[in-house]
Amino acid sequence: MKPPCEAPARRGVRRGAPAVRHCSGTAPALLLRASLRAFAPRRSLRRCVECDEYRCAIGRPYANRRRPAAPGHARRHGTLRAFGRLGLPLAHRPNRHPAVSNSRSLPRLLTEIRACRVCAGSLPLGPRPVLQASASARLLIVGQAPGAKVHASGVPWDDASGERLRDWMGIDAQTFYDAARIAIVPMGFCYPGRGSGGDNPPRPECAPLWHERLLALMPDVRLTLLVGQYAQRYFLGNRRKASLTETVEAWREYAPACVPLPHPSPRNTPWLQRHPWFAHDVLPALRERVAEALSITQQAGADPHKKENQKMTHPAITVQRVYEPLPEDGQACFLVDRLWPRGMRKEKLAHVSWVKDVAPSTELRQWFHKDPAQWDEFERRYIAELDANRAAWEPIAEASKTRPVVLLYSSHETVRNNATVLRDYLMKKRRK
């Protein structure tokens, strides 16, 4: 029997690779730090057949250095094959030094990530990677990095930002945390600490070290949400606009592979107020795309990209307050309140159809106003009323087949109101 220090490398290792020394006493963190030195001439890692882990090996100076790629090689083959599946350009070439492991099992890779200590010395609360992934995931959310509350709970997006993000997506917490359908892979897996203007940026080690292998093991991802400037810079590269606002405003250019979004943090509420087009234009399409990505698998032989593009060409159904300037580009406007808006002249809404019967019943409206915390129950009861009153919403559904539709409401509440419920209801009916 050969001594551990002379154990040969596994089959499949590149010809000429140095033998691996089995040494259980070597600090894994130091080895991983060494793996990040992409151009270190004499360092590489090989899997040891004795312990099934990667150990540092010293070999010939240039034995493991890659040959220069031919022009266009990266674009044809892609450093990240998963990026190619998403239809995204090769924006950022991660470190593919041979030191990086090649785990082909997602559970094993997740175990490696959760045991990672590469940047432990730079994390004020210590390492605690927070992510969610499954080989069957159909939707990928790429955020920035966990906050202090998420670090404490170990649950991704377990804060006010997560509540707003779920509202943007039009899904509940149970669906959001279903790892079989939704993967959550931030740019940085651990809480990076706090600076003068808020949380620090994600640690730069995470994405180059882990993202490539994670995405390669999630072949069914159909939609990627790029939340914040760090995810957009990494995934979009030169296709990203000069600012986050311009990138989000140009969201149609990145369809159907991904949707760029601002961060849903409460600190960004002023941004949302300055850019009402985000709620009117982006969120309805986002909810429709999310619902499509999470739907039942396509029939055999169907082209998923073709179907997704058809979904994106449907006229939009948006909502806005009736007191805002009305659209003048041929959109069909419907006032969906049971009461006429206070202080609004009828001449100003001369081209608006008032469909009062589609609004919640007087009893339901008064009940909800007494206890706004019962939003979920209000939504359930209102949907039941819509199911029983098809004639009230059918004219809106017919109009949405040929041109964009705007649902007008008077409430000061821009998220939890009857117009948003009606919009989601109509889009769901249209998908059937």
Protein backbone atom coordinates (compact mmCIF):
# COMPACT_ATOMS: atom_id res chain seq x y z
CA MET A 1 0.00 0.00 0.00
CA LYS A 2 1.36 3.40 -0.99
CA PRO A 3 1.93 5.94 1.73
CA PRO A 4 -0.59 8.84 1.76
CA CYS A 5 2.00 11.34 0.59
CA GLU A 6 2.45 9.40 -2.65
CA ALA A 7 -1.25 8.81 -3.34
CA PRO A 8 -1.95 9.35 -7.04
CA ALA A 9 -4.43 11.94 -8.27
CA ARG A 10 -7.88 10.86 -9.41
CA ARG A 11 -8.54 9.78 -12.96
CA GLY A 12 -9.38 12.64 -15.26
CA VAL A 13 -6.69 14.97 -13.90
CA ARG A 14 -4.77 16.70 -16.65
CA ARG A 15 -1.72 14.86 -17.96
CA GLY A 16 1.47 16.05 -16.31
CA ALA A 17 -0.30 17.18 -13.15
CA PRO A 18 1.79 16.84 -10.01
CA ALA A 19 1.10 14.20 -7.40
CA VAL A 20 -0.88 15.20 -4.35
CA ARG A 21 0.38 15.18 -0.83
CA HIS A 22 -2.21 14.04 1.69
CA CYS A 23 -1.85 16.30 4.70
CA SER A 24 -4.82 16.60 7.03
CA GLY A 25 -3.09 19.26 9.07
CA THR A 26 -3.04 21.92 6.36
CA ALA A 27 -5.38 24.82 7.10
CA PRO A 28 -8.24 24.81 4.54
CA ALA A 29 -8.56 28.58 4.67
CA LEU A 30 -4.95 29.05 3.65
CA LEU A 31 -5.38 26.58 0.83
CA LEU A 32 -8.44 28.38 -0.47
CA ARG A 33 -6.66 31.70 -0.29
CA ALA A 34 -3.89 30.17 -2.32
CA SER A 35 -6.47 29.02 -4.85
CA LEU A 36 -7.45 32.60 -5.56
CA ARG A 37 -3.99 33.46 -6.89
CA ALA A 38 -4.89 32.75 -10.48
CA PHE A 39 -1.43 33.23 -11.86
CA ALA A 40 0.68 31.65 -9.14
CA PRO A 41 3.14 29.65 -11.27
CA ARG A 42 3.91 26.78 -8.93
CA ARG A 43 0.67 26.29 -7.04
CA SER A 44 -2.28 24.11 -7.86
CA LEU A 45 -4.74 21.87 -6.05
CA ARG A 46 -5.59 18.28 -6.85
CA ARG A 47 -8.18 15.96 -5.33
CA CYS A 48 -6.60 13.45 -2.99
CA VAL A 49 -7.85 9.88 -3.36
CA GLU A 50 -7.25 9.23 0.33
CA CYS A 51 -9.36 12.00 1.85
CA ASP A 52 -11.40 13.19 -1.16
CA GLU A 53 -10.34 16.77 -0.52
CA TYR A 54 -8.20 19.24 -2.41
CA ARG A 55 -4.64 19.71 -1.24
CA CYS A 56 -1.88 22.02 -2.38
CA ALA A 57 0.72 20.51 -4.70
CA ILE A 58 4.02 21.92 -5.88
CA GLY A 59 4.85 21.14 -9.48
CA ARG A 60 6.54 22.43 -12.57
CA PRO A 61 6.29 26.21 -13.00
CA TYR A 62 4.02 26.26 -16.03
CA ALA A 63 2.56 22.75 -16.05
CA ASN A 64 -0.97 23.90 -15.24
CA ARG A 65 -1.15 27.29 -16.89
CA ARG A 66 -3.85 27.67 -19.53
CA ARG A 67 -2.96 28.36 -23.11
CA PRO A 68 -4.16 31.74 -24.41
CA ALA A 69 -7.65 31.38 -25.84
CA ALA A 70 -8.22 32.09 -29.48
CA PRO A 71 -10.23 35.22 -30.32
CA GLY A 72 -13.92 34.57 -29.78
CA HIS A 73 -13.26 31.42 -27.77
CA ALA A 74 -14.86 32.84 -24.62
CA ARG A 75 -17.91 33.98 -26.52
CA ARG A 76 -18.33 30.65 -28.31
CA HIS A 77 -17.88 28.40 -25.34
CA GLY A 78 -18.32 30.75 -22.40
CA THR A 79 -16.37 30.62 -19.17
CA LEU A 80 -19.75 30.22 -17.55
CA ARG A 81 -21.85 27.78 -19.53
CA ALA A 82 -24.72 28.70 -17.26
CA PHE A 83 -24.46 32.32 -18.45
CA GLY A 84 -24.81 31.02 -21.99
CA ARG A 85 -28.02 29.25 -21.03
CA LEU A 86 -29.33 32.52 -19.65
CA GLY A 87 -28.57 34.25 -22.93
CA LEU A 88 -26.17 36.63 -21.19
CA PRO A 89 -22.79 37.75 -22.50
CA LEU A 90 -19.60 36.74 -20.78
CA ALA A 91 -19.45 39.79 -18.56
CA HIS A 92 -16.97 38.74 -15.92
CA ARG A 93 -14.48 35.93 -16.27
CA PRO A 94 -14.28 34.19 -12.91
CA ASN A 95 -11.10 32.69 -11.62
CA ARG A 96 -10.84 29.22 -13.19
CA HIS A 97 -7.52 28.34 -11.73
CA PRO A 98 -7.08 24.56 -11.35
CA ALA A 99 -7.14 25.13 -7.61
CA VAL A 100 -10.91 25.55 -7.71
CA SER A 101 -12.73 22.31 -6.99
CA ASN A 102 -14.97 20.65 -9.54
CA SER A 103 -17.82 19.32 -7.43
CA ARG A 104 -20.46 17.79 -9.69
CA SER A 105 -22.94 17.26 -6.89
CA LEU A 106 -24.94 20.28 -5.78
CA PRO A 107 -25.39 19.07 -2.17
CA ARG A 108 -21.63 18.55 -1.90
CA LEU A 109 -20.96 21.97 -3.36
CA LEU A 110 -23.40 23.61 -0.95
CA THR A 111 -21.61 21.86 1.91
CA GLU A 112 -18.31 23.30 0.67
CA ILE A 113 -19.79 26.78 0.43
CA ARG A 114 -21.26 26.69 3.93
CA ALA A 115 -17.88 25.58 5.26
CA CYS A 116 -16.01 28.33 3.39
CA ARG A 117 -13.66 30.46 5.47
CA VAL A 118 -11.82 32.31 2.69
CA CYS A 119 -12.56 35.83 3.95
CA ALA A 120 -13.26 35.01 7.61
CA GLY A 121 -10.74 37.58 8.77
CA SER A 122 -12.62 40.38 6.98
CA LEU A 123 -16.10 39.60 8.33
CA PRO A 124 -17.02 41.41 11.57
CA LEU A 125 -19.55 38.75 12.64
CA GLY A 126 -17.65 35.82 11.20
CA PRO A 127 -18.58 33.65 8.21
CA ARG A 128 -22.12 32.36 7.81
CA PRO A 129 -22.94 31.78 4.13
CA VAL A 130 -26.65 32.24 3.44
CA LEU A 131 -28.06 30.91 0.18
CA GLN A 132 -30.67 28.57 -1.27
CA ALA A 133 -30.24 26.35 -4.34
CA SER A 134 -31.58 23.22 -6.00
CA ALA A 135 -30.86 21.47 -9.27
CA SER A 136 -34.54 21.82 -10.20
CA ALA A 137 -34.74 25.59 -9.57
CA ARG A 138 -36.43 27.51 -12.37
CA LEU A 139 -35.91 31.04 -11.06
CA LEU A 140 -32.65 32.53 -9.81
CA ILE A 141 -32.41 35.59 -7.57
CA VAL A 142 -28.99 37.24 -7.43
CA GLY A 143 -28.86 39.89 -4.72
CA GLN A 144 -26.02 41.68 -2.95
CA ALA A 145 -25.18 40.18 0.44
CA PRO A 146 -27.06 39.24 3.62
CA GLY A 147 -27.80 41.95 6.13
CA ALA A 148 -27.33 41.68 9.89
CA LYS A 149 -30.85 40.31 10.44
CA VAL A 150 -30.42 37.66 7.75
CA HIS A 151 -27.02 36.75 9.21
CA ALA A 152 -28.69 36.16 12.57
CA SER A 153 -31.54 34.05 11.20
CA GLY A 154 -29.71 32.26 8.39
CA VAL A 155 -32.77 32.72 6.15
CA PRO A 156 -32.20 34.68 2.91
CA TRP A 157 -34.21 37.89 2.47
CA ASP A 158 -35.68 37.50 5.96
CA ASP A 159 -36.19 41.23 6.42
CA ALA A 160 -38.15 44.22 5.15
CA SER A 161 -36.29 44.09 1.83
CA GLY A 162 -37.45 40.52 1.36
CA GLU A 163 -41.07 41.44 2.04
CA ARG A 164 -40.95 44.10 -0.64
CA LEU A 165 -39.17 41.80 -3.09
CA ARG A 166 -41.83 39.11 -2.64
CA ASP A 167 -44.50 41.75 -3.23
CA TRP A 168 -42.73 42.84 -6.42
CA MET A 169 -42.65 39.22 -7.60
CA GLY A 170 -46.28 38.59 -6.68
CA ILE A 171 -45.57 35.45 -4.63
CA ASP A 172 -45.91 34.47 -0.99
CA ALA A 173 -43.21 33.40 1.44
CA GLN A 174 -43.98 29.72 1.01
CA THR A 175 -43.29 29.90 -2.72
CA PHE A 176 -40.30 32.17 -2.23
CA TYR A 177 -38.56 29.70 0.08
CA ASP A 178 -39.32 26.66 -2.05
CA ALA A 179 -35.76 25.74 -2.99
CA ALA A 180 -37.02 23.26 -5.58
CA ARG A 181 -38.28 26.19 -7.65
CA ILE A 182 -36.38 29.30 -6.55
CA ALA A 183 -32.62 29.62 -6.05
CA ILE A 184 -31.20 32.52 -4.04
CA VAL A 185 -27.53 33.11 -4.75
CA PRO A 186 -26.23 36.52 -3.62
CA MET A 187 -23.02 38.10 -4.86
CA GLY A 188 -21.63 37.71 -1.37
CA PHE A 189 -22.77 34.85 0.83
CA CYS A 190 -21.84 36.37 4.20
CA TYR A 191 -22.72 39.59 5.99
CA PRO A 192 -19.91 42.02 5.03
CA GLY A 193 -20.34 44.43 7.91
CA ARG A 194 -21.54 48.00 8.01
CA GLY A 195 -19.94 51.17 6.71
CA SER A 196 -20.76 54.84 7.00
CA GLY A 197 -23.51 54.73 4.36
CA GLY A 198 -25.03 51.34 5.16
CA ASP A 199 -23.90 47.76 4.68
CA ASN A 200 -20.54 47.24 3.00
CA PRO A 201 -20.38 45.89 -0.56
CA PRO A 202 -20.37 42.09 -1.01
CA ARG A 203 -17.01 40.44 -0.49
CA PRO A 204 -15.24 40.12 -3.89
CA GLU A 205 -14.11 36.54 -3.26
CA CYS A 206 -17.52 34.83 -3.39
CA ALA A 207 -18.70 35.25 -6.97
CA PRO A 208 -15.47 34.24 -8.77
CA LEU A 209 -15.00 31.29 -6.44
CA TRP A 210 -18.50 29.80 -6.37
CA HIS A 211 -20.95 31.21 -8.92
CA GLU A 212 -19.72 29.34 -11.95
CA ARG A 213 -20.09 25.93 -10.36
CA LEU A 214 -23.43 26.75 -8.77
CA LEU A 215 -24.97 27.92 -12.03
CA ALA A 216 -23.60 24.92 -13.89
CA LEU A 217 -25.50 22.64 -11.51
CA MET A 218 -28.82 24.46 -12.01
CA PRO A 219 -29.65 23.71 -15.65
CA ASP A 220 -33.39 24.48 -15.42
CA VAL A 221 -33.13 28.17 -14.53
CA ARG A 222 -35.34 30.11 -16.92
CA LEU A 223 -35.38 33.56 -15.34
CA THR A 224 -32.73 35.47 -13.39
CA LEU A 225 -33.52 38.53 -11.27
CA LEU A 226 -30.49 40.81 -10.94
CA VAL A 227 -31.14 42.80 -7.77
CA GLY A 228 -28.85 45.78 -7.33
CA GLN A 229 -25.85 47.19 -9.13
CA TYR A 230 -23.35 44.51 -8.07
CA ALA A 231 -25.33 41.66 -9.65
CA GLN A 232 -25.99 43.73 -12.77
CA ARG A 233 -22.33 44.65 -13.16
CA TYR A 234 -21.22 41.03 -12.79
CA PHE A 235 -23.80 39.43 -15.09
CA LEU A 236 -24.40 42.12 -17.70
CA GLY A 237 -20.92 43.54 -18.12
CA ASN A 238 -20.78 45.95 -21.07
CA ARG A 239 -24.51 45.60 -21.64
CA ARG A 240 -25.12 47.42 -18.37
CA LYS A 241 -26.04 51.08 -18.74
CA ALA A 242 -24.24 53.99 -17.13
CA SER A 243 -26.39 53.88 -13.99
CA LEU A 244 -28.68 51.49 -12.18
CA THR A 245 -31.69 53.65 -13.08
CA GLU A 246 -30.89 53.46 -16.79
CA THR A 247 -30.28 49.71 -16.58
CA VAL A 248 -33.62 49.06 -14.88
CA GLU A 249 -35.39 51.39 -17.29
CA ALA A 250 -33.97 49.35 -20.20
CA TRP A 251 -35.23 46.06 -18.73
CA ARG A 252 -36.78 45.01 -22.04
CA GLU A 253 -33.32 44.75 -23.61
CA TYR A 254 -32.41 41.90 -21.26
CA ALA A 255 -35.59 39.85 -21.73
CA PRO A 256 -36.38 37.04 -21.59
CA ALA A 257 -33.27 35.81 -19.76
CA CYS A 258 -33.24 38.25 -16.86
CA VAL A 259 -34.82 41.30 -15.26
CA PRO A 260 -32.64 43.98 -13.60
CA LEU A 261 -34.16 45.43 -10.45
CA PRO A 262 -33.24 48.06 -7.87
CA HIS A 263 -32.63 46.86 -4.37
CA PRO A 264 -35.95 46.61 -2.48
CA SER A 265 -34.47 48.07 0.70
CA PRO A 266 -36.64 50.63 2.54
CA ARG A 267 -33.73 53.03 2.02
CA ASN A 268 -34.63 53.01 -1.69
CA THR A 269 -38.19 54.25 -1.15
CA PRO A 270 -37.27 57.77 -2.39
CA TRP A 271 -35.93 56.19 -5.61
CA LEU A 272 -39.24 54.39 -6.14
CA GLN A 273 -41.15 57.62 -5.55
CA ARG A 274 -38.99 59.48 -8.07
CA HIS A 275 -39.48 56.79 -10.71
CA PRO A 276 -43.18 55.79 -10.81
CA TRP A 277 -42.61 54.06 -14.16
CA PHE A 278 -41.03 51.18 -12.24
CA ALA A 279 -44.35 50.29 -10.59
CA HIS A 280 -46.36 50.97 -13.74
CA ASP A 281 -44.20 49.25 -16.34
CA VAL A 282 -41.69 46.88 -14.75
CA LEU A 283 -43.60 45.25 -11.90
CA PRO A 284 -46.55 43.95 -13.97
CA ALA A 285 -44.19 42.36 -16.48
CA LEU A 286 -42.03 41.03 -13.64
CA ARG A 287 -44.98 39.30 -11.97
CA GLU A 288 -46.01 37.77 -15.26
CA ARG A 289 -42.49 36.54 -15.97
CA VAL A 290 -42.13 35.07 -12.48
CA ALA A 291 -45.44 33.24 -12.77
CA GLU A 292 -44.43 31.90 -16.18
CA ALA A 293 -41.02 30.74 -14.93
CA LEU A 294 -42.57 28.89 -12.01
CA SER A 295 -45.35 27.31 -14.06
CA ILE A 296 -45.60 23.66 -15.10
CA THR A 297 -42.95 22.33 -17.45
CA GLN A 298 -43.49 23.03 -21.14
CA GLN A 299 -44.85 20.33 -23.40
CA ALA A 300 -42.25 18.20 -25.10
CA GLY A 301 -40.87 19.82 -28.21
CA ALA A 302 -42.04 23.31 -27.30
CA ASP A 303 -39.61 26.18 -27.54
CA PRO A 304 -39.55 27.87 -24.09
CA HIS A 305 -37.84 31.03 -25.38
CA LYS A 306 -40.45 31.43 -28.10
CA LYS A 307 -43.27 31.15 -25.57
CA GLU A 308 -41.56 33.57 -23.18
CA ASN A 309 -41.11 36.12 -25.97
CA GLN A 310 -44.80 35.81 -26.80
CA LYS A 311 -45.63 36.46 -23.16
CA MET A 312 -43.47 39.57 -23.19
CA THR A 313 -45.37 40.91 -26.23
CA HIS A 314 -48.75 40.85 -24.47
CA PRO A 315 -50.05 44.37 -23.84
CA ALA A 316 -49.28 45.40 -20.27
CA ILE A 317 -51.81 45.81 -17.48
CA THR A 318 -50.60 48.52 -15.13
CA VAL A 319 -51.98 50.47 -12.18
CA GLN A 320 -51.63 54.12 -11.17
CA ARG A 321 -53.29 56.69 -8.97
CA VAL A 322 -56.01 58.60 -10.72
CA TYR A 323 -54.48 61.89 -9.55
CA GLU A 324 -51.31 61.32 -11.57
CA PRO A 325 -51.09 62.52 -15.19
CA LEU A 326 -53.06 60.16 -17.38
CA PRO A 327 -51.30 58.34 -20.23
CA GLU A 328 -51.77 59.85 -23.68
CA ASP A 329 -50.45 57.06 -25.86
CA GLY A 330 -53.60 55.13 -26.72
CA GLN A 331 -53.83 53.07 -23.53
CA ALA A 332 -57.25 52.00 -22.27
CA CYS A 333 -57.91 53.52 -18.84
CA PHE A 334 -60.42 52.08 -16.37
CA LEU A 335 -61.38 53.60 -13.03
CA VAL A 336 -61.84 50.59 -10.73
CA ASP A 337 -63.08 52.32 -7.56
CA ARG A 338 -66.69 52.09 -6.38
CA LEU A 339 -66.68 55.76 -5.28
CA TRP A 340 -65.78 58.69 -7.49
CA PRO A 341 -62.34 60.13 -6.64
CA ARG A 342 -62.60 63.06 -4.27
CA GLY A 343 -61.97 66.43 -5.92
CA MET A 344 -61.69 64.97 -9.43
CA ARG A 345 -63.72 66.61 -12.19
CA LYS A 346 -65.52 64.32 -14.58
CA GLU A 347 -64.26 66.35 -17.53
CA LYS A 348 -60.72 65.35 -16.68
CA LEU A 349 -61.68 61.68 -16.85
CA ALA A 350 -63.82 62.00 -19.94
CA HIS A 351 -61.86 59.28 -21.76
CA VAL A 352 -61.77 56.95 -18.77
CA SER A 353 -64.23 54.07 -18.36
CA TRP A 354 -65.65 53.87 -14.85
CA VAL A 355 -66.30 50.21 -14.01
CA LYS A 356 -67.55 50.54 -10.46
CA ASP A 357 -69.00 47.03 -10.37
CA VAL A 358 -65.51 45.51 -10.54
CA ALA A 359 -64.54 47.19 -7.24
CA PRO A 360 -64.88 45.40 -3.89
CA SER A 361 -68.36 45.40 -2.43
CA THR A 362 -69.25 48.14 0.00
CA GLU A 363 -69.33 45.67 2.90
CA LEU A 364 -65.87 44.29 2.07
CA ARG A 365 -64.39 47.76 1.58
CA GLN A 366 -65.71 49.04 4.90
CA TRP A 367 -64.55 45.91 6.71
CA PHE A 368 -61.02 46.27 5.35
CA HIS A 369 -60.80 49.98 6.21
CA LYS A 370 -61.49 49.12 9.86
CA ASP A 371 -58.59 46.65 9.97
CA PRO A 372 -56.02 47.10 7.14
CA ALA A 373 -53.84 44.41 8.74
CA GLN A 374 -56.27 41.81 7.34
CA TRP A 375 -54.87 42.25 3.85
CA ASP A 376 -54.56 38.55 3.03
CA GLU A 377 -58.16 37.90 4.01
CA PHE A 378 -59.32 40.96 2.06
CA GLU A 379 -57.49 39.71 -1.02
CA ARG A 380 -59.04 36.25 -0.69
CA ARG A 381 -62.58 37.66 -0.33
CA TYR A 382 -62.13 40.12 -3.19
CA ILE A 383 -60.94 37.36 -5.54
CA ALA A 384 -64.01 35.34 -4.57
CA GLU A 385 -66.18 38.33 -5.55
CA LEU A 386 -64.39 38.60 -8.90
CA ASP A 387 -64.91 34.91 -9.57
CA ALA A 388 -68.63 35.39 -9.01
CA ASN A 389 -68.87 38.55 -11.13
CA ARG A 390 -67.23 37.77 -14.46
CA ALA A 391 -69.32 40.32 -16.35
CA ALA A 392 -67.73 43.16 -14.35
CA TRP A 393 -64.11 42.49 -15.34
CA GLU A 394 -64.59 40.90 -18.76
CA PRO A 395 -64.54 44.26 -20.66
CA ILE A 396 -61.13 45.02 -19.13
CA ALA A 397 -59.82 41.58 -20.09
CA GLU A 398 -61.04 42.02 -23.67
CA ALA A 399 -59.41 45.44 -23.96
CA SER A 400 -56.08 44.05 -22.68
CA LYS A 401 -55.88 41.68 -25.64
CA THR A 402 -55.33 44.50 -28.13
CA ARG A 403 -53.75 47.41 -26.24
CA PRO A 404 -52.18 48.32 -22.89
CA VAL A 405 -54.59 48.80 -20.00
CA VAL A 406 -54.25 51.16 -17.02
CA LEU A 407 -56.28 50.54 -13.86
CA LEU A 408 -56.88 53.78 -11.97
CA TYR A 409 -57.46 54.00 -8.22
CA SER A 410 -57.61 56.82 -5.67
CA SER A 411 -56.14 55.18 -2.56
CA HIS A 412 -52.96 56.58 -0.99
CA GLU A 413 -51.80 52.98 -0.50
CA THR A 414 -49.85 52.16 -3.68
CA VAL A 415 -49.20 48.48 -3.00
CA ARG A 416 -52.13 47.06 -1.04
CA ASN A 417 -55.22 48.23 -2.88
CA ASN A 418 -57.96 46.66 -4.95
CA ALA A 419 -56.37 47.72 -8.26
CA THR A 420 -53.25 45.64 -7.66
CA VAL A 421 -55.39 42.60 -6.78
CA LEU A 422 -57.47 43.09 -9.91
CA ARG A 423 -54.36 43.48 -12.08
CA ASP A 424 -52.83 40.24 -10.79
CA TYR A 425 -56.19 38.50 -11.19
CA LEU A 426 -56.53 39.60 -14.83
CA MET A 427 -52.97 38.62 -15.71
CA LYS A 428 -53.55 35.19 -14.19
CA LYS A 429 -56.71 34.77 -16.24
CA ARG A 430 -54.84 35.81 -19.37
CA ARG A 431 -52.17 33.17 -18.85
CA LYS A 432 -54.75 30.36 -18.75
